[in-house]
Amino acid sequence: MESAFHNLFKACVLDKERSHEVLKAAWDTANIYCNRESEKVIGTFLKKYNIPCHKITIATKVHGLVTDSIALYSFQHPELKEQHDYVNQDGLSRAGIFNTVDASLKCLGIDYINLLQIHRFDPNTPIGGNHTCTSRSRLERC
């Protein structure tokens, strides 16, 4: 079942083939854009046209919870964060960041992300300490 938001948003989205025509050498995306579909479209494009990582710039974001359904958005269902399948899959905790980055790399079909952005403040995770800043630092060295 598709949500009203999904139907409204779908009218504004190019089909996959048309979107490939307008993609350039740099992309800004996020895991929560259409529940990873944005990252999957970019990954498909890179593979189809055999574009190596060093010839593009990929910027993506961490924070939001992504569900298994394109029609089920976590902002409409905050209770999803408490379900077993979605623990440590969002936010700015160390596990949340690393799990989100790993999933993004898989969808994009690339080995690294040029620019990882924090999509929004996470009131449940301290900015300093052993979470956000140290995770970011570790990712920079990887």
N, C-alpha and C. Protein backbone atom coordinates (compact mmCIF):
# COMPACT_ATOMS: atom_id res chain seq x y z
N MET A 1 0.85 -1.18 0.00
CA MET A 1 0.00 0.00 0.00
C MET A 1 0.89 1.25 0.00
N GLU A 2 0.63 2.15 -0.89
CA GLU A 2 1.42 3.37 -0.98
C GLU A 2 0.78 4.49 -0.17
N SER A 3 1.60 5.29 0.47
CA SER A 3 1.10 6.41 1.26
C SER A 3 0.72 7.58 0.35
N ALA A 4 -0.05 8.50 0.89
CA ALA A 4 -0.42 9.70 0.14
C ALA A 4 0.83 10.50 -0.21
N PHE A 5 1.78 10.56 0.72
CA PHE A 5 3.03 11.28 0.48
C PHE A 5 3.77 10.65 -0.70
N HIS A 6 3.82 9.33 -0.72
CA HIS A 6 4.53 8.63 -1.80
C HIS A 6 3.91 8.97 -3.15
N ASN A 7 2.59 8.93 -3.24
CA ASN A 7 1.91 9.24 -4.50
C ASN A 7 2.15 10.68 -4.93
N LEU A 8 2.14 11.61 -3.99
CA LEU A 8 2.40 13.01 -4.30
C LEU A 8 3.84 13.19 -4.77
N PHE A 9 4.77 12.58 -4.06
CA PHE A 9 6.19 12.69 -4.39
C PHE A 9 6.49 12.04 -5.74
N LYS A 10 5.86 10.91 -6.00
CA LYS A 10 6.10 10.15 -7.23
C LYS A 10 5.84 11.00 -8.48
N ALA A 11 4.88 11.89 -8.40
CA ALA A 11 4.55 12.74 -9.54
C ALA A 11 5.68 13.72 -9.87
N CYS A 12 6.56 13.98 -8.92
CA CYS A 12 7.66 14.93 -9.11
C CYS A 12 8.97 14.26 -9.49
N VAL A 13 8.99 12.95 -9.58
CA VAL A 13 10.22 12.21 -9.79
C VAL A 13 10.33 11.75 -11.24
N LEU A 14 11.52 11.92 -11.79
CA LEU A 14 11.79 11.43 -13.15
C LEU A 14 11.88 9.91 -13.13
N ASP A 15 11.54 9.27 -14.23
CA ASP A 15 11.75 7.83 -14.29
C ASP A 15 13.25 7.56 -14.33
N LYS A 16 13.64 6.32 -14.09
CA LYS A 16 15.06 6.00 -13.96
C LYS A 16 15.87 6.35 -15.20
N GLU A 17 15.37 6.02 -16.37
CA GLU A 17 16.12 6.32 -17.59
C GLU A 17 16.30 7.83 -17.79
N ARG A 18 15.27 8.60 -17.56
CA ARG A 18 15.36 10.06 -17.70
C ARG A 18 16.31 10.63 -16.66
N SER A 19 16.28 10.10 -15.44
CA SER A 19 17.17 10.62 -14.40
C SER A 19 18.63 10.37 -14.77
N HIS A 20 18.91 9.27 -15.44
CA HIS A 20 20.29 8.99 -15.87
C HIS A 20 20.79 10.06 -16.84
N GLU A 21 19.90 10.57 -17.66
CA GLU A 21 20.29 11.59 -18.64
C GLU A 21 20.70 12.90 -17.98
N VAL A 22 20.13 13.22 -16.83
CA VAL A 22 20.41 14.51 -16.21
C VAL A 22 21.50 14.45 -15.13
N LEU A 23 21.92 13.26 -14.78
CA LEU A 23 22.99 13.16 -13.79
C LEU A 23 24.30 13.68 -14.37
N LYS A 24 25.06 14.39 -13.57
CA LYS A 24 26.33 14.96 -14.01
C LYS A 24 27.48 14.24 -13.31
N ALA A 25 28.50 14.96 -12.95
CA ALA A 25 29.68 14.37 -12.32
C ALA A 25 29.64 14.45 -10.80
N ALA A 26 28.63 15.06 -10.24
CA ALA A 26 28.53 15.15 -8.78
C ALA A 26 27.07 14.94 -8.38
N TRP A 27 26.89 14.17 -7.33
CA TRP A 27 25.53 13.88 -6.86
C TRP A 27 25.43 14.11 -5.36
N ASP A 28 24.34 14.69 -4.97
CA ASP A 28 24.01 14.86 -3.56
C ASP A 28 22.77 14.02 -3.30
N THR A 29 22.87 13.11 -2.38
CA THR A 29 21.76 12.21 -2.08
C THR A 29 21.70 11.98 -0.58
N ALA A 30 20.84 11.10 -0.15
CA ALA A 30 20.73 10.72 1.26
C ALA A 30 20.04 9.38 1.33
N ASN A 31 20.34 8.64 2.40
CA ASN A 31 19.70 7.34 2.55
C ASN A 31 18.18 7.45 2.64
N ILE A 32 17.67 8.55 3.17
CA ILE A 32 16.22 8.67 3.36
C ILE A 32 15.48 9.16 2.12
N TYR A 33 16.18 9.54 1.08
CA TYR A 33 15.49 9.99 -0.14
C TYR A 33 14.84 8.77 -0.79
N CYS A 34 13.53 8.71 -0.69
CA CYS A 34 12.74 7.58 -1.22
C CYS A 34 13.23 6.24 -0.67
N ASN A 35 13.60 6.23 0.62
CA ASN A 35 14.05 4.99 1.26
C ASN A 35 15.13 4.27 0.44
N ARG A 36 16.19 4.98 0.19
CA ARG A 36 17.39 4.52 -0.52
C ARG A 36 17.25 4.40 -2.03
N GLU A 37 16.08 4.62 -2.58
CA GLU A 37 15.92 4.51 -4.03
C GLU A 37 16.82 5.49 -4.77
N SER A 38 17.03 6.67 -4.21
CA SER A 38 17.92 7.65 -4.82
C SER A 38 19.33 7.08 -4.95
N GLU A 39 19.83 6.48 -3.89
CA GLU A 39 21.16 5.89 -3.93
C GLU A 39 21.22 4.72 -4.90
N LYS A 40 20.16 3.94 -4.96
CA LYS A 40 20.12 2.81 -5.89
C LYS A 40 20.13 3.27 -7.35
N VAL A 41 19.40 4.34 -7.65
CA VAL A 41 19.39 4.89 -9.02
C VAL A 41 20.79 5.36 -9.41
N ILE A 42 21.45 6.04 -8.50
CA ILE A 42 22.82 6.51 -8.78
C ILE A 42 23.75 5.32 -8.97
N GLY A 43 23.64 4.32 -8.10
CA GLY A 43 24.46 3.12 -8.23
C GLY A 43 24.25 2.40 -9.55
N THR A 44 23.00 2.30 -9.97
CA THR A 44 22.67 1.68 -11.26
C THR A 44 23.29 2.47 -12.41
N PHE A 45 23.21 3.78 -12.33
CA PHE A 45 23.79 4.66 -13.35
C PHE A 45 25.30 4.46 -13.45
N LEU A 46 25.97 4.47 -12.30
CA LEU A 46 27.42 4.31 -12.29
C LEU A 46 27.84 2.98 -12.90
N LYS A 47 27.10 1.94 -12.57
CA LYS A 47 27.41 0.61 -13.10
C LYS A 47 27.11 0.53 -14.59
N LYS A 48 25.95 1.02 -14.99
CA LYS A 48 25.53 0.95 -16.40
C LYS A 48 26.53 1.66 -17.31
N TYR A 49 27.02 2.81 -16.88
CA TYR A 49 27.93 3.59 -17.71
C TYR A 49 29.39 3.40 -17.31
N ASN A 50 29.65 2.42 -16.45
CA ASN A 50 31.01 2.05 -16.04
C ASN A 50 31.83 3.26 -15.61
N ILE A 51 31.25 4.05 -14.71
CA ILE A 51 31.91 5.26 -14.22
C ILE A 51 32.68 4.93 -12.94
N PRO A 52 34.00 5.09 -12.95
CA PRO A 52 34.79 4.79 -11.75
C PRO A 52 34.63 5.87 -10.68
N CYS A 53 34.84 5.46 -9.45
CA CYS A 53 34.69 6.37 -8.29
C CYS A 53 35.52 7.64 -8.43
N HIS A 54 36.73 7.53 -8.93
CA HIS A 54 37.61 8.70 -8.97
C HIS A 54 37.17 9.75 -10.00
N LYS A 55 36.16 9.45 -10.80
CA LYS A 55 35.67 10.42 -11.80
C LYS A 55 34.39 11.12 -11.37
N ILE A 56 33.93 10.85 -10.15
CA ILE A 56 32.68 11.45 -9.67
C ILE A 56 32.86 11.96 -8.25
N THR A 57 31.93 12.77 -7.82
CA THR A 57 31.87 13.20 -6.43
C THR A 57 30.50 12.80 -5.89
N ILE A 58 30.53 12.01 -4.83
CA ILE A 58 29.28 11.56 -4.20
C ILE A 58 29.19 12.18 -2.82
N ALA A 59 28.09 12.86 -2.56
CA ALA A 59 27.78 13.39 -1.23
C ALA A 59 26.50 12.70 -0.77
N THR A 60 26.53 12.15 0.42
CA THR A 60 25.32 11.55 0.98
C THR A 60 25.24 11.92 2.46
N LYS A 61 24.17 11.52 3.09
CA LYS A 61 23.90 11.98 4.45
C LYS A 61 23.57 10.81 5.37
N VAL A 62 23.81 11.03 6.66
CA VAL A 62 23.43 10.06 7.69
C VAL A 62 22.46 10.70 8.67
N HIS A 63 21.64 9.93 9.24
CA HIS A 63 20.75 10.24 10.35
C HIS A 63 19.44 9.48 10.25
N GLY A 64 18.76 9.56 9.13
CA GLY A 64 17.39 9.06 9.02
C GLY A 64 17.28 7.55 8.95
N LEU A 65 16.15 7.06 9.45
CA LEU A 65 15.83 5.63 9.41
C LEU A 65 15.19 5.29 8.07
N VAL A 66 15.69 4.25 7.44
CA VAL A 66 15.16 3.79 6.16
C VAL A 66 14.46 2.46 6.39
N THR A 67 13.26 2.34 5.85
CA THR A 67 12.50 1.10 5.98
C THR A 67 12.72 0.22 4.75
N ASP A 68 12.17 -0.98 4.81
CA ASP A 68 12.30 -1.91 3.69
C ASP A 68 11.31 -1.64 2.57
N SER A 69 10.38 -0.74 2.80
CA SER A 69 9.34 -0.43 1.82
C SER A 69 9.47 1.02 1.36
N ILE A 70 9.41 1.22 0.06
CA ILE A 70 9.50 2.59 -0.47
C ILE A 70 8.31 3.43 -0.02
N ALA A 71 7.22 2.80 0.38
CA ALA A 71 6.01 3.53 0.75
C ALA A 71 5.86 3.75 2.25
N LEU A 72 6.79 3.22 3.05
CA LEU A 72 6.69 3.34 4.50
C LEU A 72 7.81 4.23 5.01
N TYR A 73 7.47 5.46 5.37
CA TYR A 73 8.46 6.43 5.79
C TYR A 73 8.52 6.52 7.30
N SER A 74 9.73 6.52 7.83
CA SER A 74 9.90 6.50 9.29
C SER A 74 9.40 7.76 9.97
N PHE A 75 9.41 8.90 9.28
CA PHE A 75 8.91 10.11 9.92
C PHE A 75 7.41 10.02 10.17
N GLN A 76 6.72 9.17 9.42
CA GLN A 76 5.29 8.95 9.64
C GLN A 76 5.05 7.90 10.73
N HIS A 77 6.07 7.09 11.00
CA HIS A 77 5.95 6.00 11.96
C HIS A 77 7.17 5.97 12.88
N PRO A 78 7.26 6.91 13.82
CA PRO A 78 8.43 6.96 14.70
C PRO A 78 8.61 5.71 15.56
N GLU A 79 7.55 4.93 15.72
CA GLU A 79 7.64 3.71 16.52
C GLU A 79 8.53 2.65 15.86
N LEU A 80 8.82 2.81 14.58
CA LEU A 80 9.67 1.85 13.89
C LEU A 80 11.06 1.76 14.52
N LYS A 81 11.54 2.86 15.06
CA LYS A 81 12.88 2.88 15.66
C LYS A 81 13.02 1.90 16.81
N GLU A 82 11.90 1.51 17.39
CA GLU A 82 11.91 0.59 18.53
C GLU A 82 11.83 -0.87 18.08
N GLN A 83 11.56 -1.12 16.82
CA GLN A 83 11.45 -2.49 16.33
C GLN A 83 12.83 -3.10 16.14
N HIS A 84 12.92 -4.38 16.40
CA HIS A 84 14.19 -5.10 16.34
C HIS A 84 14.95 -4.90 15.03
N ASP A 85 14.25 -4.94 13.91
CA ASP A 85 14.91 -4.82 12.60
C ASP A 85 15.54 -3.45 12.35
N TYR A 86 15.15 -2.46 13.12
CA TYR A 86 15.62 -1.10 12.85
C TYR A 86 16.52 -0.53 13.95
N VAL A 87 16.89 -1.33 14.93
CA VAL A 87 17.79 -0.87 15.99
C VAL A 87 19.16 -0.58 15.37
N ASN A 88 19.76 0.54 15.76
CA ASN A 88 21.08 0.97 15.28
C ASN A 88 21.13 1.21 13.77
N GLN A 89 20.02 1.58 13.17
CA GLN A 89 19.98 1.84 11.74
C GLN A 89 19.78 3.32 11.42
N ASP A 90 19.82 4.16 12.44
CA ASP A 90 19.64 5.60 12.20
C ASP A 90 20.34 6.38 13.30
N GLY A 91 20.20 7.68 13.24
CA GLY A 91 20.79 8.53 14.26
C GLY A 91 22.28 8.71 14.07
N LEU A 92 22.90 9.35 15.06
CA LEU A 92 24.32 9.67 14.96
C LEU A 92 25.17 8.92 15.97
N SER A 93 24.66 7.80 16.46
CA SER A 93 25.49 6.95 17.30
C SER A 93 26.55 6.30 16.40
N ARG A 94 27.57 5.75 16.99
CA ARG A 94 28.62 5.08 16.23
C ARG A 94 28.01 3.99 15.33
N ALA A 95 27.18 3.13 15.91
CA ALA A 95 26.57 2.05 15.14
C ALA A 95 25.66 2.60 14.05
N GLY A 96 24.88 3.62 14.38
CA GLY A 96 23.99 4.22 13.39
C GLY A 96 24.74 4.77 12.20
N ILE A 97 25.84 5.47 12.46
CA ILE A 97 26.64 6.05 11.38
C ILE A 97 27.26 4.95 10.52
N PHE A 98 27.93 3.99 11.15
CA PHE A 98 28.61 2.94 10.39
C PHE A 98 27.62 2.08 9.61
N ASN A 99 26.49 1.73 10.21
CA ASN A 99 25.48 0.93 9.50
C ASN A 99 24.90 1.69 8.31
N THR A 100 24.66 2.99 8.49
CA THR A 100 24.12 3.80 7.40
C THR A 100 25.14 3.93 6.27
N VAL A 101 26.39 4.19 6.60
CA VAL A 101 27.44 4.32 5.58
C VAL A 101 27.61 3.00 4.83
N ASP A 102 27.66 1.88 5.55
CA ASP A 102 27.80 0.58 4.88
C ASP A 102 26.66 0.33 3.89
N ALA A 103 25.43 0.62 4.31
CA ALA A 103 24.27 0.41 3.43
C ALA A 103 24.33 1.36 2.23
N SER A 104 24.76 2.60 2.45
CA SER A 104 24.86 3.56 1.34
C SER A 104 25.91 3.11 0.33
N LEU A 105 27.06 2.66 0.81
CA LEU A 105 28.11 2.19 -0.09
C LEU A 105 27.61 1.02 -0.93
N LYS A 106 26.87 0.12 -0.31
CA LYS A 106 26.32 -1.03 -1.03
C LYS A 106 25.34 -0.58 -2.11
N CYS A 107 24.41 0.30 -1.77
CA CYS A 107 23.42 0.79 -2.75
C CYS A 107 24.09 1.55 -3.88
N LEU A 108 25.07 2.35 -3.55
CA LEU A 108 25.76 3.16 -4.55
C LEU A 108 26.74 2.33 -5.38
N GLY A 109 27.16 1.19 -4.85
CA GLY A 109 28.11 0.34 -5.57
C GLY A 109 29.49 0.95 -5.65
N ILE A 110 29.89 1.69 -4.62
CA ILE A 110 31.19 2.36 -4.62
C ILE A 110 31.97 1.98 -3.36
N ASP A 111 33.25 2.34 -3.34
CA ASP A 111 34.12 1.99 -2.22
C ASP A 111 34.24 3.09 -1.18
N TYR A 112 33.92 4.32 -1.56
CA TYR A 112 34.04 5.43 -0.62
C TYR A 112 33.07 6.54 -0.99
N ILE A 113 32.79 7.38 -0.01
CA ILE A 113 31.92 8.55 -0.19
C ILE A 113 32.80 9.78 -0.06
N ASN A 114 32.68 10.72 -1.00
CA ASN A 114 33.51 11.92 -0.95
C ASN A 114 33.13 12.86 0.17
N LEU A 115 31.83 13.04 0.39
CA LEU A 115 31.35 13.96 1.41
C LEU A 115 30.21 13.32 2.17
N LEU A 116 30.45 13.02 3.44
CA LEU A 116 29.41 12.47 4.31
C LEU A 116 28.88 13.60 5.18
N GLN A 117 27.59 13.85 5.08
CA GLN A 117 26.98 14.97 5.80
C GLN A 117 26.04 14.46 6.89
N ILE A 118 25.95 15.22 7.96
CA ILE A 118 24.97 14.94 9.02
C ILE A 118 23.68 15.63 8.61
N HIS A 119 22.64 14.83 8.40
CA HIS A 119 21.38 15.37 7.87
C HIS A 119 20.65 16.25 8.88
N ARG A 120 20.75 15.92 10.15
CA ARG A 120 20.12 16.76 11.17
C ARG A 120 20.68 16.39 12.54
N PHE A 121 20.43 17.25 13.48
CA PHE A 121 20.86 17.05 14.86
C PHE A 121 20.17 15.82 15.44
N ASP A 122 20.90 15.06 16.24
CA ASP A 122 20.35 13.90 16.92
C ASP A 122 20.35 14.18 18.42
N PRO A 123 19.20 14.46 19.01
CA PRO A 123 19.15 14.79 20.43
C PRO A 123 19.49 13.61 21.34
N ASN A 124 19.54 12.41 20.79
CA ASN A 124 19.82 11.22 21.58
C ASN A 124 21.30 10.83 21.60
N THR A 125 22.13 11.57 20.87
CA THR A 125 23.54 11.23 20.78
C THR A 125 24.39 12.46 21.04
N PRO A 126 25.33 12.38 22.00
CA PRO A 126 26.22 13.52 22.24
C PRO A 126 27.09 13.79 21.01
N ILE A 127 27.36 15.05 20.72
CA ILE A 127 28.17 15.40 19.56
C ILE A 127 29.63 14.99 19.76
N GLY A 128 30.16 15.19 20.93
CA GLY A 128 31.54 14.81 21.20
C GLY A 128 31.62 13.40 21.74
N GLY A 129 32.69 13.10 22.43
CA GLY A 129 32.82 11.78 23.05
C GLY A 129 33.07 10.69 22.04
N ASN A 130 32.52 9.53 22.30
CA ASN A 130 32.79 8.35 21.48
C ASN A 130 31.74 8.09 20.41
N HIS A 131 31.05 9.11 19.99
CA HIS A 131 29.97 8.88 19.03
C HIS A 131 30.24 9.61 17.72
N THR A 132 29.55 10.69 17.50
CA THR A 132 29.55 11.36 16.20
C THR A 132 30.94 11.78 15.74
N CYS A 133 31.66 12.54 16.53
CA CYS A 133 32.96 13.07 16.08
C CYS A 133 34.00 11.97 15.90
N THR A 134 34.06 11.03 16.82
CA THR A 134 35.06 9.98 16.68
C THR A 134 34.71 9.03 15.54
N SER A 135 33.43 8.81 15.30
CA SER A 135 33.03 7.97 14.16
C SER A 135 33.39 8.66 12.86
N ARG A 136 33.14 9.96 12.79
CA ARG A 136 33.49 10.72 11.59
C ARG A 136 35.00 10.65 11.35
N SER A 137 35.78 10.81 12.40
CA SER A 137 37.23 10.76 12.29
C SER A 137 37.69 9.39 11.79
N ARG A 138 37.10 8.34 12.30
CA ARG A 138 37.47 6.99 11.87
C ARG A 138 37.11 6.77 10.40
N LEU A 139 35.96 7.26 9.98
CA LEU A 139 35.56 7.11 8.59
C LEU A 139 36.52 7.84 7.66
N GLU A 140 37.05 8.98 8.09
CA GLU A 140 37.99 9.73 7.26
C GLU A 140 39.27 8.94 7.01
N ARG A 141 39.66 8.11 7.96
CA ARG A 141 40.89 7.34 7.82
C ARG A 141 40.69 6.07 7.01
N CYS A 142 39.46 5.61 6.88
CA CYS A 142 39.20 4.33 6.20
C CYS A 142 39.48 4.41 4.72
